[in-house]
Amino acid sequence: MTDFSTEVADRDAEGPVPVDHFPPPPRRSAGLATVTGNGRDKAMDNVSNSRLAPLQQQSAPLRNKIIAALRSAIETGMLAPGKRLVEKDLCEQLSVSRTSLREALRELQAEGILEYTANRGLSVSAVTIDDARNIYRLRSVIEALIVEQFIEKADDTQVELLVRESEAMKDAYRSGVLEHMLNAKRSFYDRICSGAENPIAFDIINRLVLRTSSLRARSLMRKPRQNQSVQEIDTLMDAIRRRDIQAARRAAIEHVEGAARSALGPVAP
């Protein structure tokens, strides 16, 4: 059985997917440099050689479970930008039908997470430097908004629940385990957006961070960034406890800007 780290184009008896099955997305502007995975450390290399676990048939729609599994694989680097996706391998590793898989792939392609090219077929989208910079700038605006809304709308119980999530996130940073950090950050933002009564923001943030997943993963694995993130979260939570909207907005923006500097270096905004 082939894993994701091997680039193969074998197709099973059903033959290759017709070109019009996954229509090509709009062309990107020429001249933008593509951010690649050069310099990835051994931990990230090990992740890219991992395999997806078979999905258990449960009550949740199977398509949603496939999408969640693929998103997780992209977040952790198991499916790297530019990596060609072979339906046969994905079906075998997830233990799902080709029909169910294609439904999930279509949705991820519509979100821009996957892209189709005539010469490579379907692959994980590679983000350009300009796109990455814009994504981090968008995140700073959205995250400043949701902390403001959280302070305005959340009661004391919700604040205490967020405090617990922040402590769990700091523990995850200290652990240095990528999967723990990703899960803790997702829970933290889920709690903030719930208290802010803004589920749309949670959905947008998840889509934005997925587009920069390879950059984000390498940044999170750096010890200096982990230590800095703990300090930034302490500053943010102090402002939220005091219900100081302006201080909380500044802390949220500084957290995203710190992430951008770590991920992009001197080209960050």
Protein backbone atom coordinates (compact mmCIF):
# COMPACT_ATOMS: atom_id res chain seq x y z
CA MET A 1 0.00 0.00 0.00
CA THR A 2 1.41 3.43 -0.99
CA ASP A 3 1.70 6.23 1.57
CA PHE A 4 1.41 9.97 1.05
CA SER A 5 5.14 10.57 0.93
CA THR A 6 5.51 8.63 -2.35
CA GLU A 7 4.51 10.56 -5.45
CA VAL A 8 2.79 8.07 -7.71
CA ALA A 9 0.21 8.40 -10.42
CA ASP A 10 -1.14 4.86 -10.43
CA ARG A 11 -4.87 4.59 -10.99
CA ASP A 12 -7.06 1.61 -10.31
CA ALA A 13 -9.36 -0.09 -12.76
CA GLU A 14 -11.65 2.91 -12.89
CA GLY A 15 -8.98 4.82 -14.73
CA PRO A 16 -7.89 8.45 -14.28
CA VAL A 17 -10.27 11.16 -13.24
CA PRO A 18 -11.44 13.09 -16.31
CA VAL A 19 -10.04 16.59 -16.59
CA ASP A 20 -13.48 18.12 -16.32
CA HIS A 21 -14.16 16.23 -13.07
CA PHE A 22 -12.09 18.76 -11.16
CA PRO A 23 -12.14 21.92 -13.29
CA PRO A 24 -9.02 24.05 -12.97
CA PRO A 25 -9.24 27.01 -10.58
CA PRO A 26 -8.61 30.60 -11.72
CA ARG A 27 -5.00 31.34 -12.60
CA ARG A 28 -2.84 33.04 -10.03
CA SER A 29 -1.02 36.23 -10.86
CA ALA A 30 2.38 35.57 -12.39
CA GLY A 31 5.59 36.56 -10.67
CA LEU A 32 4.68 35.62 -7.10
CA ALA A 33 7.16 33.41 -5.32
CA THR A 34 5.82 30.19 -3.90
CA VAL A 35 6.58 29.37 -0.29
CA THR A 36 7.98 25.84 -0.17
CA GLY A 37 8.91 23.43 2.60
CA ASN A 38 12.70 23.91 2.28
CA GLY A 39 14.39 23.71 5.66
CA ARG A 40 11.73 21.50 7.21
CA ASP A 41 13.18 19.80 10.27
CA LYS A 42 13.24 16.06 10.93
CA ALA A 43 10.04 16.19 12.97
CA MET A 44 8.16 17.62 10.01
CA ASP A 45 9.75 15.04 7.68
CA ASN A 46 8.50 12.26 9.94
CA VAL A 47 5.01 13.72 9.84
CA SER A 48 5.03 13.78 6.04
CA ASN A 49 5.81 10.06 6.03
CA SER A 50 2.82 9.21 8.22
CA ARG A 51 -0.45 7.68 7.08
CA LEU A 52 -4.07 8.57 7.65
CA ALA A 53 -6.00 6.24 9.92
CA PRO A 54 -9.05 4.38 8.56
CA LEU A 55 -12.31 6.14 9.39
CA GLN A 56 -14.91 4.51 11.57
CA GLN A 57 -18.46 4.53 10.24
CA GLN A 58 -20.45 6.71 12.64
CA SER A 59 -23.57 8.83 12.59
CA ALA A 60 -21.79 11.97 11.34
CA PRO A 61 -21.93 12.34 7.55
CA LEU A 62 -18.99 10.45 6.09
CA ARG A 63 -18.08 13.35 3.83
CA ASN A 64 -17.54 15.58 6.87
CA LYS A 65 -15.31 12.97 8.47
CA ILE A 66 -13.23 12.65 5.31
CA ILE A 67 -12.88 16.43 5.10
CA ALA A 68 -11.80 16.59 8.75
CA ALA A 69 -9.21 13.86 8.19
CA LEU A 70 -7.81 15.58 5.11
CA ARG A 71 -7.72 18.97 6.84
CA SER A 72 -5.80 17.44 9.74
CA ALA A 73 -3.35 15.79 7.34
CA ILE A 74 -2.75 19.14 5.63
CA GLU A 75 -2.37 20.99 8.95
CA THR A 76 0.26 18.58 10.26
CA GLY A 77 2.18 18.39 6.99
CA MET A 78 1.24 14.81 6.19
CA LEU A 79 -0.16 16.21 2.95
CA ALA A 80 2.34 18.89 1.93
CA PRO A 81 1.74 21.80 -0.48
CA GLY A 82 2.16 20.66 -4.07
CA LYS A 83 1.74 17.00 -3.16
CA ARG A 84 -0.28 15.16 -5.78
CA LEU A 85 -3.32 13.34 -4.40
CA VAL A 86 -4.00 9.86 -5.74
CA GLU A 87 -7.57 8.74 -5.15
CA LYS A 88 -6.70 5.04 -4.92
CA ASP A 89 -4.21 5.65 -2.10
CA LEU A 90 -6.56 7.97 -0.21
CA CYS A 91 -9.43 5.50 -0.45
CA GLU A 92 -7.27 2.66 0.83
CA GLN A 93 -5.83 4.61 3.73
CA LEU A 94 -9.16 6.05 4.85
CA SER A 95 -11.16 2.90 4.04
CA VAL A 96 -13.78 4.90 2.14
CA SER A 97 -15.38 4.65 -1.28
CA ARG A 98 -14.17 6.70 -4.22
CA THR A 99 -17.58 8.40 -4.47
CA SER A 100 -17.44 9.62 -0.86
CA LEU A 101 -13.84 10.74 -1.27
CA ARG A 102 -14.61 12.74 -4.41
CA GLU A 103 -17.39 14.64 -2.64
CA ALA A 104 -14.94 15.70 0.06
CA LEU A 105 -12.24 16.61 -2.48
CA ARG A 106 -14.69 18.81 -4.39
CA GLU A 107 -15.50 20.79 -1.26
CA LEU A 108 -11.84 21.32 -0.36
CA GLN A 109 -11.12 22.37 -3.94
CA ALA A 110 -13.99 24.88 -3.82
CA GLU A 111 -12.41 26.38 -0.68
CA GLY A 112 -9.06 26.76 -2.45
CA ILE A 113 -7.36 24.20 -0.20
CA LEU A 114 -6.81 21.87 -3.16
CA GLU A 115 -6.07 22.87 -6.75
CA TYR A 116 -6.23 21.11 -10.11
CA THR A 117 -3.67 21.42 -12.88
CA ALA A 118 -3.66 19.55 -16.16
CA ASN A 119 -0.14 18.20 -15.71
CA ARG A 120 -0.30 17.22 -12.03
CA GLY A 121 -3.96 16.60 -11.37
CA LEU A 122 -5.31 17.38 -7.91
CA SER A 123 -2.86 18.54 -5.23
CA VAL A 124 -2.62 20.56 -2.04
CA SER A 125 -2.50 24.26 -2.92
CA ALA A 126 0.86 25.98 -2.42
CA VAL A 127 0.51 29.46 -0.97
CA THR A 128 2.47 32.38 -2.42
CA ILE A 129 4.35 34.80 -0.22
CA ASP A 130 1.92 37.60 -1.08
CA ASP A 131 -1.06 35.37 -0.29
CA ALA A 132 0.48 34.35 3.02
CA ARG A 133 1.09 37.97 3.99
CA ASN A 134 -2.53 38.83 3.16
CA ILE A 135 -3.80 35.86 5.15
CA TYR A 136 -1.94 36.95 8.27
CA ARG A 137 -3.20 40.51 7.87
CA LEU A 138 -6.76 39.26 7.53
CA ARG A 139 -6.32 37.10 10.60
CA SER A 140 -5.16 40.07 12.66
CA VAL A 141 -8.32 42.00 11.74
CA ILE A 142 -10.66 39.09 12.43
CA GLU A 143 -9.01 38.04 15.69
CA ALA A 144 -9.06 41.61 17.00
CA LEU A 145 -12.78 41.71 16.19
CA ILE A 146 -13.66 38.46 17.96
CA VAL A 147 -11.85 39.36 21.19
CA GLU A 148 -13.72 42.67 21.18
CA GLN A 149 -17.03 40.85 20.65
CA PHE A 150 -16.13 38.29 23.31
CA ILE A 151 -15.55 41.01 25.91
CA GLU A 152 -18.81 42.68 24.96
CA LYS A 153 -20.96 39.55 25.04
CA ALA A 154 -19.35 36.86 27.23
CA ASP A 155 -20.40 36.47 30.85
CA ASP A 156 -18.02 35.67 33.72
CA THR A 157 -18.53 31.93 33.29
CA GLN A 158 -17.51 32.09 29.65
CA VAL A 159 -14.43 34.10 30.60
CA GLU A 160 -13.41 31.42 33.10
CA LEU A 161 -13.92 28.73 30.48
CA LEU A 162 -11.69 30.68 28.12
CA VAL A 163 -9.07 30.95 30.87
CA ARG A 164 -9.04 27.14 31.08
CA GLU A 165 -8.65 26.87 27.32
CA SER A 166 -5.77 29.35 27.42
CA GLU A 167 -4.01 27.32 30.13
CA ALA A 168 -4.43 24.16 28.05
CA MET A 169 -3.03 25.99 25.04
CA LYS A 170 0.01 27.18 26.98
CA ASP A 171 0.60 23.62 28.18
CA ALA A 172 0.43 22.49 24.55
CA TYR A 173 3.01 25.12 23.55
CA ARG A 174 5.30 23.91 26.32
CA SER A 175 4.90 20.30 25.18
CA GLY A 176 6.30 21.12 21.76
CA VAL A 177 3.98 18.54 20.16
CA LEU A 178 2.51 19.93 16.95
CA GLU A 179 -0.77 18.02 17.10
CA HIS A 180 -1.37 19.12 20.71
CA MET A 181 -0.73 22.74 19.79
CA LEU A 182 -3.04 22.63 16.78
CA ASN A 183 -5.87 21.01 18.75
CA ALA A 184 -5.49 23.41 21.68
CA LYS A 185 -5.46 26.46 19.42
CA ARG A 186 -8.57 25.26 17.62
CA SER A 187 -10.39 24.77 20.95
CA PHE A 188 -9.27 28.21 22.15
CA TYR A 189 -10.57 29.98 19.06
CA ASP A 190 -13.75 27.94 19.15
CA ARG A 191 -14.36 29.14 22.71
CA ILE A 192 -13.68 32.78 21.85
CA CYS A 193 -15.92 32.72 18.79
CA SER A 194 -18.69 31.00 20.76
CA GLY A 195 -18.55 33.66 23.45
CA ALA A 196 -18.41 36.33 20.77
CA GLU A 197 -21.47 34.74 19.11
CA ASN A 198 -19.59 34.79 15.83
CA PRO A 199 -19.38 31.26 14.32
CA ILE A 200 -18.67 32.76 10.90
CA ALA A 201 -15.37 34.13 12.21
CA PHE A 202 -14.41 30.67 13.49
CA ASP A 203 -15.06 29.18 10.07
CA ILE A 204 -13.04 31.91 8.33
CA ILE A 205 -10.10 31.57 10.72
CA ASN A 206 -10.00 27.81 10.18
CA ARG A 207 -9.92 28.28 6.42
CA LEU A 208 -7.23 30.94 6.59
CA VAL A 209 -4.87 28.98 8.84
CA LEU A 210 -5.30 25.90 6.66
CA ARG A 211 -4.07 27.88 3.65
CA THR A 212 -0.81 28.63 5.52
CA SER A 213 -0.58 25.25 7.26
CA SER A 214 2.97 24.40 6.18
CA LEU A 215 4.27 27.79 7.31
CA ARG A 216 2.29 27.64 10.51
CA ALA A 217 3.50 24.15 11.40
CA ARG A 218 7.18 25.03 10.98
CA SER A 219 6.67 28.20 13.00
CA LEU A 220 4.93 26.36 15.84
CA MET A 221 7.75 23.82 16.04
CA ARG A 222 10.29 26.54 16.85
CA LYS A 223 10.97 26.77 20.58
CA PRO A 224 11.43 30.58 20.58
CA ARG A 225 8.01 30.95 18.95
CA GLN A 226 6.44 28.60 21.50
CA ASN A 227 7.84 30.67 24.38
CA GLN A 228 6.78 33.92 22.75
CA SER A 229 3.26 32.57 22.17
CA VAL A 230 2.87 31.75 25.87
CA GLN A 231 3.72 35.36 26.74
CA GLU A 232 1.36 36.71 24.09
CA ILE A 233 -1.52 34.58 25.37
CA ASP A 234 -0.87 35.78 28.94
CA THR A 235 -1.08 39.38 27.73
CA LEU A 236 -4.29 38.70 25.81
CA MET A 237 -5.97 36.91 28.70
CA ASP A 238 -5.02 39.64 31.15
CA ALA A 239 -6.77 42.19 28.93
CA ILE A 240 -9.83 39.96 28.54
CA ARG A 241 -10.11 39.41 32.30
CA ARG A 242 -10.01 43.18 32.81
CA ARG A 243 -12.47 43.57 29.92
CA ASP A 244 -10.15 46.11 28.35
CA ILE A 245 -11.23 46.02 24.71
CA GLN A 246 -8.44 48.17 23.31
CA ALA A 247 -5.72 46.25 25.14
CA ALA A 248 -7.25 42.95 24.04
CA ARG A 249 -7.40 44.06 20.41
CA ARG A 250 -3.73 45.12 20.54
CA ALA A 251 -2.76 41.79 22.11
CA ALA A 252 -4.65 39.81 19.47
CA ILE A 253 -3.01 41.76 16.64
CA GLU A 254 0.45 41.40 18.20
CA HIS A 255 -0.08 37.64 18.52
CA VAL A 256 -0.86 37.29 14.81
CA GLU A 257 1.97 39.63 13.81
CA GLY A 258 4.35 37.55 15.91
CA ALA A 259 3.15 34.43 14.12
CA ALA A 260 3.68 36.13 10.77
CA ARG A 261 7.22 37.20 11.62
CA SER A 262 8.06 33.68 12.72
CA ALA A 263 6.55 32.10 9.62
CA LEU A 264 7.66 34.60 6.99
CA GLY A 265 10.66 36.35 8.47
CA PRO A 266 11.51 39.84 7.18
CA VAL A 267 8.76 39.76 4.52
CA ALA A 268 6.01 39.67 7.16
CA PRO A 269 3.84 42.80 7.45
